[in-house]
Amino acid sequence: MLPTPKKFFITAGSAEGKSTLTAFDNALLNGRIGNLNLMRVSSILPPGVKYCPKMEIPPGSLVPTAYGYIISEVPGELIAAAVGVGFSKDTFGVIMEFSGKCGKDEAVKAIENMLQEAFETRGMELAGTKIAAVEHRVEKVGCALAAVPLWY
């Protein structure tokens, strides 16, 4: 059984690459998480976690991460990714991820709407949010990625 994470940060990055995999890897590097082993998790922020925007995680660590990304090989196409964390006053939070063929503003609006719906569905009050988003105009092979790494 894994321990429950105690810290998190939010990040977004974009990049070009010579292939879809290297574009993804370069976007991870641009988002400060390229030297980590991400374990994709669903979208619940544990109760009591602390937001640590400058957190450093040792390279090679296995890191629970909620993330969304998009890769495109269409020159000139605008792509975007966003993540958002919704906080409650006294219990767990909710993380939402989005990626699409759109700009940053549209991605942020999608996250805001999804967080609102997630809290309404759970019968919880949304006490605050943090959102990270990025857009990227594809040159050859581009990736936009947004993530919420969780740590101990």
Protein backbone atom coordinates (compact mmCIF):
# COMPACT_ATOMS: atom_id res chain seq x y z
CA MET A 1 0.00 0.00 0.00
CA LEU A 2 1.31 3.44 -0.90
CA PRO A 3 1.28 6.28 1.62
CA THR A 4 -1.06 9.21 1.09
CA PRO A 5 0.70 12.21 -0.47
CA LYS A 6 1.15 15.30 1.72
CA LYS A 7 2.27 17.88 -0.90
CA PHE A 8 1.48 18.91 -4.45
CA PHE A 9 2.17 21.50 -7.11
CA ILE A 10 0.61 22.32 -10.46
CA THR A 11 2.48 22.76 -13.70
CA ALA A 12 2.05 23.13 -17.43
CA GLY A 13 4.55 22.88 -20.26
CA SER A 14 4.73 22.63 -24.01
CA ALA A 15 7.40 21.78 -26.54
CA GLU A 16 8.29 20.54 -29.97
CA GLY A 17 10.01 17.24 -30.71
CA LYS A 18 11.16 15.19 -33.67
CA SER A 19 8.60 12.50 -32.78
CA THR A 20 5.43 12.32 -30.72
CA LEU A 21 7.31 10.68 -27.84
CA THR A 22 10.08 13.26 -27.76
CA ALA A 23 7.54 16.10 -28.00
CA PHE A 24 5.81 14.60 -24.93
CA ASP A 25 9.14 14.16 -23.12
CA ASN A 26 10.18 17.73 -23.94
CA ALA A 27 6.86 19.08 -22.65
CA LEU A 28 7.43 17.12 -19.42
CA LEU A 29 10.87 18.72 -19.13
CA ASN A 30 9.41 22.16 -19.82
CA GLY A 31 6.90 21.52 -17.02
CA ARG A 32 9.66 20.52 -14.51
CA ILE A 33 8.58 16.85 -14.34
CA GLY A 34 10.59 15.27 -17.15
CA ASN A 35 13.00 13.37 -14.92
CA LEU A 36 10.30 11.67 -12.86
CA ASN A 37 8.43 8.38 -13.32
CA LEU A 38 4.80 9.45 -13.42
CA MET A 39 2.12 7.12 -12.12
CA ARG A 40 -1.13 8.39 -13.59
CA VAL A 41 -3.84 8.75 -10.97
CA SER A 42 -7.45 9.85 -11.03
CA SER A 43 -8.60 13.12 -9.69
CA ILE A 44 -8.85 13.33 -5.91
CA LEU A 45 -6.60 15.62 -3.89
CA PRO A 46 -6.05 14.07 -0.43
CA PRO A 47 -7.31 16.00 2.62
CA GLY A 48 -4.78 18.30 4.23
CA VAL A 49 -2.21 18.33 1.42
CA LYS A 50 0.03 21.39 1.24
CA TYR A 51 0.57 23.41 -1.93
CA CYS A 52 4.34 23.62 -2.55
CA PRO A 53 4.95 25.45 -5.86
CA LYS A 54 8.77 25.23 -5.66
CA MET A 55 8.84 21.59 -4.57
CA GLU A 56 11.82 19.56 -5.81
CA ILE A 57 11.27 15.82 -6.31
CA PRO A 58 14.31 13.52 -6.64
CA PRO A 59 14.94 12.33 -10.22
CA GLY A 60 13.63 8.84 -10.93
CA SER A 61 10.99 8.98 -8.19
CA LEU A 62 7.66 7.23 -8.70
CA VAL A 63 5.23 10.15 -8.54
CA PRO A 64 1.43 9.92 -8.43
CA THR A 65 0.33 12.51 -10.99
CA ALA A 66 -2.97 13.61 -12.50
CA TYR A 67 -2.27 14.98 -15.98
CA GLY A 68 -3.71 15.76 -19.35
CA TYR A 69 -1.88 16.23 -22.63
CA ILE A 70 -2.32 16.54 -26.36
CA ILE A 71 0.14 15.86 -29.17
CA SER A 72 -0.30 17.18 -32.70
CA GLU A 73 1.58 16.72 -35.96
CA VAL A 74 -0.43 19.40 -37.78
CA PRO A 75 1.75 22.46 -38.45
CA GLY A 76 0.03 25.66 -37.37
CA GLU A 77 -2.52 23.92 -35.15
CA LEU A 78 -3.16 25.49 -31.73
CA ILE A 79 -3.30 22.98 -28.87
CA ALA A 80 -3.73 23.50 -25.14
CA ALA A 81 -3.70 21.62 -21.86
CA ALA A 82 -4.86 22.65 -18.40
CA VAL A 83 -5.25 21.24 -14.91
CA GLY A 84 -7.17 22.63 -12.00
CA VAL A 85 -7.44 21.84 -8.33
CA GLY A 86 -10.65 22.60 -6.47
CA PHE A 87 -10.43 22.95 -2.70
CA SER A 88 -13.07 22.31 -0.06
CA LYS A 89 -12.94 23.93 3.37
CA ASP A 90 -12.73 20.75 5.41
CA THR A 91 -12.18 17.63 3.30
CA PHE A 92 -10.57 16.35 0.12
CA GLY A 93 -10.20 18.30 -3.10
CA VAL A 94 -10.80 17.47 -6.74
CA ILE A 95 -8.39 17.65 -9.68
CA MET A 96 -9.58 18.09 -13.26
CA GLU A 97 -7.52 17.76 -16.45
CA PHE A 98 -8.25 19.03 -19.97
CA SER A 99 -6.52 18.99 -23.34
CA GLY A 100 -7.79 19.98 -26.75
CA LYS A 101 -7.39 21.77 -30.06
CA CYS A 102 -7.98 25.24 -28.67
CA GLY A 103 -6.26 28.11 -26.88
CA LYS A 104 -5.29 28.53 -23.24
CA ASP A 105 -8.36 30.62 -22.36
CA GLU A 106 -10.75 27.93 -23.60
CA ALA A 107 -8.82 25.26 -21.67
CA VAL A 108 -9.00 27.31 -18.45
CA LYS A 109 -12.76 27.84 -18.90
CA ALA A 110 -13.25 24.09 -19.40
CA ILE A 111 -11.37 23.40 -16.15
CA GLU A 112 -13.42 25.99 -14.25
CA ASN A 113 -16.66 24.40 -15.49
CA MET A 114 -15.51 20.85 -14.67
CA LEU A 115 -14.44 21.81 -11.14
CA GLN A 116 -17.77 23.51 -10.51
CA GLU A 117 -19.65 20.44 -11.75
CA ALA A 118 -17.47 18.03 -9.74
CA PHE A 119 -18.19 19.90 -6.52
CA GLU A 120 -21.91 20.26 -7.27
CA THR A 121 -22.17 16.53 -8.01
CA ARG A 122 -20.52 15.72 -4.67
CA GLY A 123 -22.70 18.20 -2.77
CA MET A 124 -19.57 20.09 -1.66
CA GLU A 125 -18.79 23.80 -1.55
CA LEU A 126 -15.96 24.93 -3.82
CA ALA A 127 -13.77 27.07 -1.53
CA GLY A 128 -11.02 27.94 -4.02
CA THR A 129 -9.09 26.85 -7.09
CA LYS A 130 -5.61 26.77 -8.59
CA ILE A 131 -5.24 26.36 -12.35
CA ALA A 132 -2.26 25.91 -14.68
CA ALA A 133 -2.61 26.01 -18.46
CA VAL A 134 -0.50 26.26 -21.57
CA GLU A 135 -1.08 26.61 -25.30
CA HIS A 136 1.24 25.67 -28.13
CA ARG A 137 1.29 26.50 -31.84
CA VAL A 138 2.59 23.38 -33.57
CA GLU A 139 5.62 23.72 -35.83
CA LYS A 140 6.14 20.04 -36.75
CA VAL A 141 5.33 17.82 -33.75
CA GLY A 142 4.08 19.61 -30.64
CA CYS A 143 2.79 18.69 -27.21
CA ALA A 144 0.93 20.63 -24.54
CA LEU A 145 0.76 19.09 -21.07
CA ALA A 146 -0.57 20.10 -17.65
CA ALA A 147 -0.13 18.11 -14.44
CA VAL A 148 -0.61 17.90 -10.70
CA PRO A 149 2.26 15.89 -9.17
CA LEU A 150 1.61 14.64 -5.62
CA TRP A 151 4.44 13.98 -3.16
CA TYR A 152 5.12 12.76 0.38
